[in-house]
Amino acid sequence: MRSVQRQVMTCAPRVAALVLWLALRASEASAQPVHPTPTVASGPRAAWMPTEADVAPSDVSHRAEARLALALRRDRPASDASLDAVSPWYAPPLSALVPGMGQGLLRQQRGIVYLVAEGYLILRALGSQRDARRERDAYREIARTVARESFGEDRPDAAWEYYERLQYVLESGAFNRTPGAALSPETDPATFNGSIWRLARETFWRDPDVAPDPGSSEYQSALAFYERRAVGESFRWSWRDAQLEQDLYRQTIDRSNDASRQARQMVGLLLANHALSLVDAYVSVRLRVFGETDGASRRVGVAGQLPLPGPFR
């Protein structure tokens, strides 16, 4: 299962690149001139589309500019009056909200690519989150029924740091070696609590192997340090004689971490899909320059200047 997930994550950048390539190909295909028959509509809001007779100045560079404007104008059907009547300024925000929606408003077929990618990434993110929760419940159950089974019926769940310690430390050790009496910390440094008490002595005592007076500030500071960091009786554990179960516990945690990491990656790709759709719609709207005057026809096009060599200017 983990190898399949790694292969999928390795292919994710390639899939994203393929989606982008398909979008660019769709854009190029829609930009090819189809040489429609020029139509002339009547009325103050009639759409105007330049023809070769209208845009054929004698200057070569101007003629190249006019042909570029004519080719870009043909990207939209001349009969599509809805796009001429409405300036789609809200296409980019719609694409940011739902990828592909702005492209659909602009009659661009590549919008379906963004929409399909959105659905796929959402399903992958939800599936990864579900797997992470399942594996989390599994490793908690292993810890509860194996490592903590011998330490009473009250075995509450803890924070992630607690379960992380169980991967590497064989047993926790006792919190108080003399129950019912004054606190006597665990002294075995091979256990988790014993290592905490050793660290407390090294931090606050002049000599960690020579105990100061129990009433001294050194001893009380070390004791307070131990109480804050040691594992209480309700959270004691031991993997002694259960090495196979501890290995299974580690593997389950690894699977949970992989699923959580994959879910975060899917969320990142979702955000990238929203951003790409937003930029695409914004560029498309910017290329569609709308101008309108009262009582006159409206012309839609993009003007540019081609850098021609000196003899052809």
Foldseek 3Di string as FASTA:
>chain_A
DVVVLVVVVVCVVVVVVVLVVVLVVLLVVLLAAPPDDADFDDDLAQEHADDCVRQPDPAPQSSVQVVQFNSNVRSDDSPPVVCSVDQPPCLLVVCLVANLPSCVVVVRPSSVSLNVLLVVLVVLLVVLVVLLVVLVVVLVVLQVVAFCVVQDDQADDDDPVLLVVLLPAQWADAQAPDPPDPRDWDCPCSHNLNVLLLVLLVVQPPDSVDDDDCVDPSNVSSVVSSVVPGDHSSHITHCVVPVVSSVVSVVSNVSSVSSVVSSVVSVVVSSVSSVVSSVVSVVVSVQFDWDHDPSHYTYTTDGDTDDDDDVSD
